[in-house]
N, C-alpha and C. Protein backbone atom coordinates (compact mmCIF):
# COMPACT_ATOMS: atom_id res chain seq x y z
N UNK A 1 -11.37 -10.05 -34.12
CA UNK A 1 -11.00 -9.35 -32.71
C UNK A 1 -12.70 -9.65 -32.34
N UNK A 2 -12.79 -10.39 -31.18
CA UNK A 2 -14.04 -10.30 -30.65
C UNK A 2 -13.85 -10.34 -28.97
N UNK A 3 -14.57 -10.52 -28.64
CA UNK A 3 -14.78 -9.93 -26.53
C UNK A 3 -16.05 -10.66 -26.10
N UNK A 4 -15.83 -11.07 -24.83
CA UNK A 4 -16.91 -11.81 -23.89
C UNK A 4 -17.54 -10.63 -22.97
N UNK A 5 -18.52 -9.79 -22.97
CA UNK A 5 -19.27 -8.96 -22.31
C UNK A 5 -20.30 -9.77 -21.44
N UNK A 6 -20.43 -8.35 -20.70
CA UNK A 6 -21.40 -9.07 -19.56
C UNK A 6 -23.24 -8.00 -20.23
N UNK A 7 -23.75 -8.23 -20.66
CA UNK A 7 -25.04 -7.38 -20.99
C UNK A 7 -26.33 -8.03 -20.18
N UNK A 8 -27.05 -7.34 -19.32
CA UNK A 8 -28.29 -7.51 -18.52
C UNK A 8 -28.28 -8.84 -18.02
N UNK A 9 -27.22 -8.76 -17.52
CA UNK A 9 -26.85 -10.00 -16.80
C UNK A 9 -26.52 -11.70 -17.39
N UNK A 10 -26.22 -11.20 -18.97
CA UNK A 10 -25.67 -12.68 -19.41
C UNK A 10 -24.27 -12.10 -20.07
N UNK A 11 -23.49 -13.37 -20.55
CA UNK A 11 -22.33 -13.26 -21.20
C UNK A 11 -22.37 -13.65 -22.21
N UNK A 12 -22.04 -12.64 -23.16
CA UNK A 12 -22.13 -12.44 -24.54
C UNK A 12 -20.40 -12.87 -25.38
N UNK A 13 -20.68 -13.69 -26.17
CA UNK A 13 -19.44 -13.50 -27.04
C UNK A 13 -19.34 -12.59 -28.61
N UNK A 14 -19.15 -11.26 -28.45
CA UNK A 14 -19.46 -10.21 -29.50
C UNK A 14 -18.30 -10.43 -30.44
N UNK A 15 -18.67 -10.06 -31.50
CA UNK A 15 -17.39 -9.58 -32.74
C UNK A 15 -17.95 -8.05 -33.40
N UNK A 16 -17.67 -7.15 -34.04
CA UNK A 16 -18.30 -6.24 -34.55
C UNK A 16 -18.96 -6.69 -35.67
N UNK A 17 -20.37 -5.61 -36.02
CA UNK A 17 -21.65 -5.54 -36.80
C UNK A 17 -22.47 -7.34 -36.36
N UNK A 18 -22.07 -7.94 -35.44
CA UNK A 18 -23.51 -8.58 -34.82
C UNK A 18 -23.99 -8.57 -34.71
N UNK A 19 -25.34 -9.22 -34.81
CA UNK A 19 -26.92 -8.64 -34.05
C UNK A 19 -26.98 -9.67 -33.04
N UNK A 20 -27.18 -8.96 -31.70
CA UNK A 20 -27.22 -9.85 -30.63
C UNK A 20 -28.94 -9.81 -29.86
N UNK A 21 -29.41 -10.51 -29.45
CA UNK A 21 -30.67 -10.65 -28.75
C UNK A 21 -30.13 -10.63 -27.18
N UNK A 22 -30.61 -9.86 -26.37
CA UNK A 22 -30.47 -9.30 -24.87
C UNK A 22 -31.37 -9.25 -24.27
N UNK A 23 -31.40 -9.48 -22.88
CA UNK A 23 -32.88 -8.98 -22.05
C UNK A 23 -33.02 -7.62 -22.51
N UNK A 24 -34.21 -7.28 -22.46
CA UNK A 24 -34.87 -5.71 -22.39
C UNK A 24 -33.78 -4.66 -21.85
N UNK A 25 -33.40 -4.25 -22.44
CA UNK A 25 -32.26 -2.96 -22.25
C UNK A 25 -33.62 -1.94 -21.71
N UNK A 26 -33.41 -0.44 -20.76
CA UNK A 26 -34.40 0.42 -21.07
C UNK A 26 -33.55 1.36 -21.65
N UNK A 27 -33.19 1.41 -22.61
CA UNK A 27 -32.99 2.60 -23.86
C UNK A 27 -33.70 2.38 -24.75
N UNK A 28 -34.46 3.42 -25.43
CA UNK A 28 -35.22 3.43 -26.48
C UNK A 28 -34.54 3.41 -27.99
N UNK A 29 -35.55 2.83 -28.72
CA UNK A 29 -35.08 2.23 -30.39
C UNK A 29 -34.13 3.58 -31.27
N UNK A 30 -32.92 2.99 -31.43
CA UNK A 30 -32.21 4.04 -32.25
C UNK A 30 -30.97 4.53 -31.53
N UNK A 31 -31.33 4.25 -29.96
CA UNK A 31 -30.12 5.15 -29.34
C UNK A 31 -28.80 3.74 -29.15
N UNK A 32 -27.62 4.24 -28.93
CA UNK A 32 -26.54 3.86 -28.78
C UNK A 32 -26.21 3.54 -26.88
N UNK A 33 -25.87 2.60 -26.98
CA UNK A 33 -25.86 1.80 -25.66
C UNK A 33 -24.00 1.61 -25.41
N UNK A 34 -23.41 1.55 -24.41
CA UNK A 34 -21.68 1.08 -24.08
C UNK A 34 -21.82 0.05 -23.18
N UNK A 35 -21.42 -0.66 -23.38
CA UNK A 35 -21.25 -1.62 -21.86
C UNK A 35 -19.69 -1.50 -21.65
N UNK A 36 -19.36 -1.25 -20.33
CA UNK A 36 -18.09 -1.47 -19.61
C UNK A 36 -17.65 -2.95 -19.08
N UNK A 37 -18.27 -3.33 -18.92
CA UNK A 37 -17.95 -5.13 -18.16
C UNK A 37 -17.55 -5.64 -19.17
N UNK A 38 -16.54 -5.63 -19.75
CA UNK A 38 -15.61 -6.61 -20.63
C UNK A 38 -14.56 -7.83 -20.03
N UNK A 39 -15.23 -8.78 -20.20
CA UNK A 39 -14.44 -9.87 -19.27
C UNK A 39 -13.18 -10.39 -20.29
N UNK A 40 -13.44 -10.15 -21.39
CA UNK A 40 -12.11 -10.94 -21.98
C UNK A 40 -12.23 -10.55 -23.54
N UNK A 41 -10.69 -9.73 -23.68
CA UNK A 41 -10.47 -9.45 -24.97
C UNK A 41 -9.77 -10.38 -25.95
N UNK A 42 -9.89 -10.39 -27.23
CA UNK A 42 -8.92 -11.56 -28.36
C UNK A 42 -9.17 -10.81 -29.44
N UNK A 43 -7.58 -10.62 -29.62
CA UNK A 43 -7.37 -9.83 -31.52
C UNK A 43 -6.22 -10.76 -31.70
N UNK A 44 -6.97 -11.76 -32.63
CA UNK A 44 -5.91 -12.61 -33.27
C UNK A 44 -5.02 -13.44 -32.10
N UNK A 45 -3.66 -13.47 -31.67
CA UNK A 45 -3.15 -14.03 -30.83
C UNK A 45 -2.88 -13.75 -29.54
N UNK A 46 -3.59 -12.43 -29.51
CA UNK A 46 -3.19 -12.09 -28.18
C UNK A 46 -4.66 -11.72 -27.62
N UNK A 47 -4.78 -12.24 -26.34
CA UNK A 47 -5.87 -12.63 -25.48
C UNK A 47 -5.61 -11.65 -24.27
N UNK A 48 -6.61 -10.68 -23.71
CA UNK A 48 -6.76 -9.96 -22.95
C UNK A 48 -7.85 -10.71 -21.44
N UNK A 49 -7.72 -11.03 -20.32
CA UNK A 49 -8.69 -11.45 -19.92
C UNK A 49 -8.05 -10.61 -18.64
N UNK A 50 -9.67 -9.97 -17.92
CA UNK A 50 -9.72 -9.23 -16.89
C UNK A 50 -9.89 -10.12 -15.57
N UNK A 51 -9.58 -9.04 -14.79
CA UNK A 51 -9.81 -9.87 -13.50
C UNK A 51 -10.87 -8.94 -12.76
N UNK A 52 -12.22 -9.17 -12.43
CA UNK A 52 -12.93 -9.59 -13.09
C UNK A 52 -13.12 -9.00 -14.80
N UNK A 53 -12.88 -7.69 -14.37
CA UNK A 53 -13.38 -6.95 -15.98
C UNK A 53 -12.05 -6.04 -16.42
N UNK A 54 -11.82 -5.94 -17.72
CA UNK A 54 -10.78 -5.24 -18.02
C UNK A 54 -11.05 -3.75 -17.68
N UNK A 55 -10.06 -3.30 -17.37
CA UNK A 55 -10.19 -1.70 -17.05
C UNK A 55 -9.87 -0.75 -18.33
N UNK A 56 -10.96 0.06 -18.66
CA UNK A 56 -11.12 0.87 -19.74
C UNK A 56 -11.56 -0.14 -21.28
N UNK A 57 -11.66 -0.75 -21.14
CA UNK A 57 -12.37 -1.43 -22.54
C UNK A 57 -13.82 -1.67 -22.54
N UNK A 58 -14.32 -1.44 -23.55
CA UNK A 58 -15.63 -1.03 -23.86
C UNK A 58 -16.11 -1.38 -25.47
N UNK A 59 -17.24 -1.77 -25.08
CA UNK A 59 -18.13 -2.47 -26.25
C UNK A 59 -19.30 -1.72 -26.63
N UNK A 60 -19.13 -0.97 -27.47
CA UNK A 60 -20.67 -0.16 -28.16
C UNK A 60 -21.27 -0.79 -29.08
N UNK A 61 -22.84 -0.91 -28.40
CA UNK A 61 -23.49 -1.06 -29.75
C UNK A 61 -24.78 -0.09 -29.81
N UNK A 62 -25.96 -0.08 -30.93
CA UNK A 62 -27.16 0.52 -31.59
C UNK A 62 -28.11 -0.56 -30.82
N UNK A 63 -29.03 0.06 -30.51
CA UNK A 63 -30.45 -0.94 -29.92
C UNK A 63 -31.53 -0.75 -31.56
N UNK A 64 -31.43 -1.60 -31.68
CA UNK A 64 -32.20 -1.87 -33.22
C UNK A 64 -33.74 -2.14 -32.83
N UNK A 65 -34.57 -2.68 -31.80
CA UNK A 65 -35.91 -2.56 -31.43
C UNK A 65 -35.72 -3.55 -30.34
N UNK A 66 -37.16 -3.57 -29.90
CA UNK A 66 -37.77 -4.32 -28.66
C UNK A 66 -38.53 -5.05 -29.33
N UNK A 67 -38.41 -6.45 -28.98
CA UNK A 67 -39.39 -7.56 -29.41
C UNK A 67 -39.45 -8.52 -27.86
N UNK A 68 -40.73 -9.72 -28.20
CA UNK A 68 -40.97 -10.63 -27.27
C UNK A 68 -40.07 -11.95 -27.78
N UNK A 69 -39.81 -13.04 -27.49
CA UNK A 69 -39.20 -13.57 -28.06
C UNK A 69 -40.27 -14.99 -28.14
N UNK A 70 -40.16 -15.92 -28.31
CA UNK A 70 -40.72 -17.34 -28.97
C UNK A 70 -41.42 -17.59 -27.48
N UNK A 71 -42.93 -18.18 -27.89
CA UNK A 71 -43.59 -18.81 -26.57
C UNK A 71 -43.21 -19.71 -25.95
N UNK A 72 -42.91 -20.33 -24.85
CA UNK A 72 -42.49 -20.95 -23.73
C UNK A 72 -43.45 -21.86 -23.00
N UNK A 73 -43.72 -23.18 -23.67
CA UNK A 73 -45.14 -23.48 -22.14
C UNK A 73 -44.42 -24.63 -21.29
N UNK A 74 -45.01 -23.72 -20.17
CA UNK A 74 -44.71 -24.02 -18.56
C UNK A 74 -45.50 -25.23 -17.94
N UNK A 75 -45.97 -26.36 -18.62
CA UNK A 75 -46.92 -27.00 -18.07
C UNK A 75 -46.54 -28.07 -16.94
N UNK A 76 -46.95 -28.13 -15.90
CA UNK A 76 -47.06 -28.47 -14.22
C UNK A 76 -47.95 -29.66 -14.29
N UNK A 77 -47.55 -30.73 -13.65
CA UNK A 77 -48.43 -31.74 -13.65
C UNK A 77 -48.14 -33.09 -12.05
N UNK A 78 -49.13 -33.28 -10.97
CA UNK A 78 -48.79 -34.05 -9.97
C UNK A 78 -49.58 -35.59 -10.61
N UNK A 79 -48.72 -36.78 -10.73
CA UNK A 79 -49.95 -37.86 -11.22
C UNK A 79 -50.77 -38.21 -10.06
N UNK A 80 -51.91 -38.80 -10.65
CA UNK A 80 -52.85 -39.51 -9.95
C UNK A 80 -53.23 -38.50 -8.79
N UNK A 81 -53.21 -37.05 -8.73
CA UNK A 81 -53.92 -35.96 -7.37
C UNK A 81 -54.84 -34.84 -8.63
N UNK A 82 -54.29 -35.25 -10.11
CA UNK A 82 -55.34 -34.50 -10.66
C UNK A 82 -54.88 -33.03 -10.70
N UNK A 83 -53.81 -32.67 -10.43
CA UNK A 83 -53.38 -31.63 -10.95
C UNK A 83 -52.54 -31.23 -11.81
N UNK A 84 -53.26 -29.90 -13.02
CA UNK A 84 -52.60 -29.71 -13.83
C UNK A 84 -52.21 -28.33 -13.96
N UNK A 85 -51.47 -27.75 -14.23
CA UNK A 85 -51.47 -26.09 -14.48
C UNK A 85 -50.70 -26.20 -16.25
N UNK A 86 -51.17 -25.17 -17.01
CA UNK A 86 -50.48 -24.91 -17.96
C UNK A 86 -49.96 -23.06 -18.17
N UNK A 87 -49.14 -22.60 -18.24
CA UNK A 87 -48.98 -20.93 -18.83
C UNK A 87 -47.96 -21.21 -19.70
N UNK A 88 -47.95 -20.28 -20.22
CA UNK A 88 -46.98 -19.55 -21.31
C UNK A 88 -46.43 -18.38 -20.96
N UNK A 89 -44.81 -18.61 -21.33
CA UNK A 89 -43.94 -17.26 -21.72
C UNK A 89 -43.27 -16.68 -22.24
N UNK A 90 -43.57 -15.14 -22.96
CA UNK A 90 -42.61 -14.72 -23.62
C UNK A 90 -41.65 -13.50 -23.23
N UNK A 91 -40.02 -14.08 -23.00
CA UNK A 91 -39.74 -13.23 -22.65
C UNK A 91 -39.43 -11.95 -23.43
N UNK A 92 -38.96 -11.13 -22.58
CA UNK A 92 -39.03 -9.56 -23.30
C UNK A 92 -37.24 -9.55 -23.71
N UNK A 93 -37.09 -9.13 -25.27
CA UNK A 93 -35.87 -9.04 -25.60
C UNK A 93 -35.41 -7.51 -26.72
N UNK A 94 -34.18 -7.20 -26.15
CA UNK A 94 -33.85 -6.28 -27.19
C UNK A 94 -32.67 -7.09 -28.11
N UNK A 95 -32.78 -6.40 -29.27
CA UNK A 95 -32.15 -7.07 -30.46
C UNK A 95 -31.03 -5.41 -30.48
N UNK A 96 -29.76 -5.77 -30.30
CA UNK A 96 -28.89 -4.61 -30.72
C UNK A 96 -27.82 -4.93 -31.64
N UNK A 97 -27.11 -4.07 -32.09
CA UNK A 97 -26.04 -4.31 -33.19
C UNK A 97 -24.98 -3.91 -32.81
N UNK A 98 -23.88 -4.68 -32.39
CA UNK A 98 -22.77 -4.27 -31.96
C UNK A 98 -21.65 -3.49 -33.29
N UNK A 99 -21.65 -2.34 -32.57
CA UNK A 99 -20.81 -1.37 -33.13
C UNK A 99 -19.25 -1.31 -33.15
N UNK A 100 -18.61 -1.70 -32.23
CA UNK A 100 -17.35 -1.25 -31.64
C UNK A 100 -16.85 -2.03 -30.76
N UNK A 101 -15.61 -2.64 -30.43
CA UNK A 101 -15.20 -2.97 -29.54
C UNK A 101 -13.39 -2.06 -29.06
N UNK A 102 -13.76 -1.59 -28.06
CA UNK A 102 -12.24 -0.81 -27.96
C UNK A 102 -11.62 -1.11 -26.63
N UNK A 103 -9.93 -1.46 -26.91
CA UNK A 103 -9.54 -2.20 -25.81
C UNK A 103 -9.13 -1.39 -24.58
N UNK A 104 -8.65 0.29 -25.04
CA UNK A 104 -8.42 0.85 -24.19
C UNK A 104 -8.89 1.93 -24.12
N UNK A 105 -9.32 2.70 -23.27
CA UNK A 105 -10.22 4.28 -23.19
C UNK A 105 -10.04 4.72 -21.57
N UNK A 106 -11.10 5.50 -21.22
CA UNK A 106 -11.24 6.35 -19.68
C UNK A 106 -12.08 5.20 -18.99
N UNK A 107 -11.43 5.21 -17.74
CA UNK A 107 -12.29 4.61 -17.08
C UNK A 107 -12.93 5.29 -16.19
N UNK A 108 -14.32 4.69 -15.66
CA UNK A 108 -15.51 5.41 -15.27
C UNK A 108 -15.14 6.31 -14.00
N UNK A 109 -15.32 7.12 -13.28
CA UNK A 109 -15.16 8.24 -12.33
C UNK A 109 -15.32 7.69 -11.19
N UNK A 110 -17.03 7.43 -11.41
CA UNK A 110 -17.68 6.72 -10.16
C UNK A 110 -17.21 5.23 -9.61
N UNK A 111 -16.43 4.85 -10.31
CA UNK A 111 -15.97 3.67 -9.50
C UNK A 111 -14.55 3.67 -8.41
N UNK A 112 -14.15 4.45 -9.45
CA UNK A 112 -12.80 5.00 -8.82
C UNK A 112 -13.07 5.51 -7.46
N UNK A 113 -13.97 6.54 -7.45
CA UNK A 113 -14.15 7.27 -5.89
C UNK A 113 -14.75 6.45 -5.16
N UNK A 114 -15.41 5.34 -5.11
CA UNK A 114 -16.04 4.21 -4.27
C UNK A 114 -14.93 3.44 -3.59
N UNK A 115 -13.91 3.49 -3.89
CA UNK A 115 -13.01 2.28 -3.90
C UNK A 115 -11.83 3.59 -2.94
N UNK A 116 -11.89 4.40 -3.19
CA UNK A 116 -10.86 5.20 -2.21
C UNK A 116 -11.24 5.53 -0.81
N UNK A 117 -12.32 5.34 -0.69
CA UNK A 117 -12.89 5.78 1.00
C UNK A 117 -12.98 4.41 1.41
N UNK A 118 -12.81 3.04 1.06
CA UNK A 118 -12.67 1.87 1.70
C UNK A 118 -11.48 1.95 2.07
N UNK A 119 -10.50 2.31 1.68
CA UNK A 119 -8.94 2.08 1.88
C UNK A 119 -8.54 2.82 3.31
N UNK A 120 -9.29 4.17 3.28
CA UNK A 120 -9.01 5.27 4.20
C UNK A 120 -9.39 4.68 5.92
N UNK A 121 -10.63 4.20 5.40
CA UNK A 121 -11.53 3.88 6.67
C UNK A 121 -10.48 2.81 7.00
N UNK A 122 -9.87 1.51 6.62
CA UNK A 122 -9.08 0.31 7.21
C UNK A 122 -7.59 1.16 7.73
N UNK A 123 -7.21 2.21 7.48
CA UNK A 123 -6.12 2.88 7.74
C UNK A 123 -6.40 3.80 8.93
N UNK A 124 -7.57 4.00 9.09
CA UNK A 124 -8.13 4.81 10.19
C UNK A 124 -8.15 3.56 11.74
N UNK A 125 -9.17 2.70 11.23
CA UNK A 125 -9.54 1.76 12.51
C UNK A 125 -8.15 1.37 13.30
N UNK A 126 -6.89 1.02 13.17
CA UNK A 126 -5.62 0.54 13.92
C UNK A 126 -5.17 2.15 14.63
N UNK A 127 -5.52 3.61 14.31
CA UNK A 127 -4.95 4.36 15.06
C UNK A 127 -6.41 4.94 15.94
N UNK A 128 -7.37 4.43 16.10
CA UNK A 128 -8.62 4.16 17.03
C UNK A 128 -8.17 3.35 17.75
N UNK A 129 -7.69 2.67 17.84
CA UNK A 129 -7.68 1.51 19.04
C UNK A 129 -6.18 1.73 19.96
N UNK A 130 -5.32 2.59 19.53
CA UNK A 130 -4.05 2.80 20.10
C UNK A 130 -4.81 3.65 21.37
N UNK A 131 -5.36 4.79 20.82
CA UNK A 131 -5.50 5.50 22.39
C UNK A 131 -6.01 5.09 23.94
N UNK A 132 -7.38 3.78 22.79
CA UNK A 132 -8.08 3.29 24.36
C UNK A 132 -6.62 2.41 25.38
N UNK A 133 -5.71 1.80 24.33
CA UNK A 133 -4.54 1.73 25.07
C UNK A 133 -3.76 2.56 26.17
N UNK A 134 -3.96 3.59 25.42
CA UNK A 134 -3.25 4.38 26.71
C UNK A 134 -3.68 5.26 27.57
N UNK A 135 -5.92 4.56 27.39
CA UNK A 135 -6.16 5.59 28.24
C UNK A 135 -6.32 4.92 29.52
N UNK A 136 -6.24 3.57 29.79
CA UNK A 136 -6.09 3.42 31.28
C UNK A 136 -4.76 3.61 32.14
N UNK A 137 -4.14 3.35 31.82
CA UNK A 137 -2.32 4.12 32.19
C UNK A 137 -2.55 5.37 32.95
N UNK A 138 -3.02 6.29 31.78
CA UNK A 138 -3.30 7.51 31.93
C UNK A 138 -4.21 7.65 33.31
N UNK A 139 -5.24 6.97 33.22
CA UNK A 139 -5.58 7.04 34.35
C UNK A 139 -5.38 6.89 35.69
N UNK A 140 -4.47 5.84 35.29
CA UNK A 140 -4.11 5.14 37.43
C UNK A 140 -2.89 6.12 37.49
N UNK A 141 -2.45 7.03 36.30
CA UNK A 141 -1.34 7.86 36.60
C UNK A 141 -1.84 9.09 37.44
N UNK A 142 -3.41 9.47 36.90
CA UNK A 142 -3.98 10.37 37.64
C UNK A 142 -4.28 10.45 38.82
N UNK A 143 -4.67 9.37 39.25
CA UNK A 143 -5.28 8.75 40.43
C UNK A 143 -3.99 8.72 41.51
N UNK A 144 -2.96 7.96 40.92
CA UNK A 144 -1.89 7.63 41.70
C UNK A 144 -1.17 8.56 42.16
N UNK A 145 -0.68 8.72 43.17
CA UNK A 145 0.20 9.71 43.98
C UNK A 145 1.83 9.29 43.94
N UNK A 146 2.36 10.53 43.97
CA UNK A 146 4.68 9.93 43.60
C UNK A 146 4.68 8.65 44.04
N UNK A 147 4.29 8.22 45.46
CA UNK A 147 5.09 6.76 45.70
C UNK A 147 4.18 5.71 45.44
N UNK A 148 2.89 6.20 44.91
CA UNK A 148 2.42 4.69 43.68
C UNK A 148 2.96 4.91 42.40
N UNK A 149 3.47 5.73 41.86
CA UNK A 149 3.93 6.17 40.21
C UNK A 149 4.57 5.37 39.90
N UNK A 150 5.59 4.62 41.46
CA UNK A 150 7.00 3.77 40.78
C UNK A 150 6.19 2.36 40.71
N UNK A 151 4.95 2.02 41.26
CA UNK A 151 4.16 0.78 41.05
C UNK A 151 3.45 1.04 39.80
N UNK A 152 2.79 2.06 39.32
CA UNK A 152 2.15 2.03 38.00
C UNK A 152 3.39 1.79 36.86
N UNK A 153 4.64 2.56 37.18
CA UNK A 153 5.59 1.85 36.04
C UNK A 153 5.67 0.71 35.62
N UNK A 154 6.22 0.03 37.26
CA UNK A 154 6.27 -1.35 37.24
C UNK A 154 4.87 -2.28 36.56
N UNK A 155 3.60 -1.95 36.59
CA UNK A 155 2.66 -2.56 36.20
C UNK A 155 2.63 -2.16 34.39
N UNK A 156 3.33 -1.07 34.09
CA UNK A 156 2.94 -1.31 32.37
C UNK A 156 4.26 -2.22 32.27
N UNK A 157 5.46 -2.13 32.92
CA UNK A 157 6.48 -3.46 32.48
C UNK A 157 5.95 -4.66 32.59
N UNK A 158 4.88 -5.32 33.37
CA UNK A 158 4.17 -5.98 33.39
C UNK A 158 3.16 -6.77 32.61
N UNK A 159 2.35 -5.34 31.94
CA UNK A 159 1.32 -5.40 31.33
C UNK A 159 2.10 -5.38 29.96
N UNK A 160 3.47 -5.59 29.53
CA UNK A 160 3.96 -6.15 28.30
C UNK A 160 4.39 -7.76 28.31
N UNK A 161 4.53 -8.44 29.57
CA UNK A 161 4.69 -9.45 29.66
C UNK A 161 3.84 -10.65 29.33
N UNK A 162 3.73 -11.70 29.09
CA UNK A 162 2.70 -12.60 29.10
C UNK A 162 2.54 -13.28 30.43
N UNK A 163 1.27 -14.14 29.98
CA UNK A 163 0.66 -14.81 31.55
C UNK A 163 1.69 -15.81 31.65
N UNK A 164 2.44 -16.86 30.94
CA UNK A 164 2.85 -17.58 31.82
C UNK A 164 4.54 -17.00 32.40
N UNK A 165 4.84 -15.67 31.86
CA UNK A 165 5.81 -15.18 32.42
C UNK A 165 5.13 -14.02 33.74
N UNK A 166 4.18 -13.96 33.65
CA UNK A 166 3.66 -13.12 35.23
C UNK A 166 3.61 -14.60 36.06
N UNK A 167 2.87 -15.65 35.76
CA UNK A 167 2.81 -16.58 36.73
C UNK A 167 4.33 -17.13 36.87
N UNK A 168 5.17 -17.38 36.77
CA UNK A 168 6.49 -17.99 37.19
C UNK A 168 7.04 -16.67 37.68
N UNK A 169 6.60 -15.57 37.41
CA UNK A 169 7.70 -14.37 39.07
C UNK A 169 6.18 -14.63 40.32
N UNK A 170 5.36 -14.76 39.77
CA UNK A 170 4.43 -14.92 41.13
C UNK A 170 4.54 -16.23 42.07
N UNK A 171 5.16 -17.16 41.06
CA UNK A 171 5.85 -18.00 41.62
C UNK A 171 7.40 -17.64 42.67
N UNK A 172 7.84 -17.60 42.36
CA UNK A 172 9.26 -16.81 42.50
C UNK A 172 8.74 -15.78 44.07
N UNK A 173 7.84 -14.89 44.18
CA UNK A 173 7.70 -14.30 45.18
C UNK A 173 6.85 -14.94 46.12
N UNK A 174 6.19 -16.24 45.68
CA UNK A 174 6.08 -16.88 46.70
C UNK A 174 4.48 -16.98 46.53
N UNK A 175 3.58 -16.30 45.75
CA UNK A 175 2.50 -15.91 45.90
C UNK A 175 1.84 -17.26 45.97
N UNK A 176 0.28 -17.29 46.24
CA UNK A 176 -0.20 -19.02 46.56
C UNK A 176 -1.89 -18.13 45.56
N UNK A 177 -2.24 -19.53 44.75
CA UNK A 177 -3.92 -19.31 43.95
C UNK A 177 -3.15 -18.51 42.89
N UNK A 178 -2.42 -19.01 42.06
CA UNK A 178 -1.70 -18.34 40.80
C UNK A 178 -2.94 -18.45 39.66
N UNK A 179 -2.84 -20.24 39.78
CA UNK A 179 -3.17 -21.11 38.99
C UNK A 179 -4.98 -20.76 37.86
N UNK A 180 -5.66 -20.18 39.08
CA UNK A 180 -7.06 -19.62 38.44
C UNK A 180 -7.01 -17.97 38.16
N UNK A 181 -6.05 -17.49 38.14
CA UNK A 181 -5.99 -15.64 38.28
C UNK A 181 -5.62 -15.25 36.91
N UNK A 182 -6.51 -14.38 36.15
CA UNK A 182 -5.78 -13.77 35.25
C UNK A 182 -4.99 -12.60 35.08
N UNK A 183 -4.76 -11.95 33.85
CA UNK A 183 -3.50 -11.40 34.12
C UNK A 183 -3.92 -9.78 34.48
N UNK A 184 -4.72 -9.34 34.57
CA UNK A 184 -4.99 -8.37 35.49
C UNK A 184 -5.02 -8.37 36.98
N UNK A 185 -5.04 -9.76 37.58
CA UNK A 185 -5.26 -9.79 38.66
C UNK A 185 -3.98 -10.42 39.43
N UNK A 186 -3.31 -11.06 38.24
CA UNK A 186 -1.78 -11.56 38.47
C UNK A 186 -0.50 -9.72 38.32
N UNK A 187 -0.73 -8.93 37.68
CA UNK A 187 -0.26 -7.82 37.67
C UNK A 187 -0.62 -6.89 38.92
N UNK A 188 -2.03 -6.99 39.79
CA UNK A 188 -2.11 -6.62 40.43
C UNK A 188 -1.47 -7.35 41.80
N UNK A 189 -1.26 -8.66 42.03
CA UNK A 189 -0.80 -8.93 42.90
C UNK A 189 0.67 -8.92 42.98
N UNK A 190 1.30 -8.76 42.16
CA UNK A 190 2.54 -8.73 41.72
C UNK A 190 3.20 -7.00 42.01
N UNK A 191 2.23 -5.96 41.94
CA UNK A 191 2.90 -5.10 42.41
C UNK A 191 1.85 -4.37 43.53
């Protein structure tokens, strides 16, 4: 059984009882650490691929020691300019021992809580838009008197129509200058 897991920003193919050198972890030597970001699990012929991670899968490991990697020489030069820089670098590493790979387990609660409020916000947005659309006709009804109430009802029916339909109605009534009018102007001219 092996797994592909993301540890400290890099992906590793790990098996049980394997020693792996990873970027420096903030865990003391001798302590156990677990990694939840398992991208792929393979158990014989059965392969499970995550999207992007497998829920409930976990790789547990023990920190053996912290050390530095081999020296890497970084040499920069620009020819015919007299520019030469020589630097060395030793990467901070942690050696870990993979103790076990678990295919199913409890999902972390923190991730589930973060996902729930996002869905609620998306549902709330369309509800907030509906009262704005009703506010304009309500204000028009409050200002209008009884004879003008019929005009408001007619304007509500007109507001549901498209601009092309409103232009056809205006042509039929003989209203001029409709080509440059917007929807609100057409509704005002027809009512």
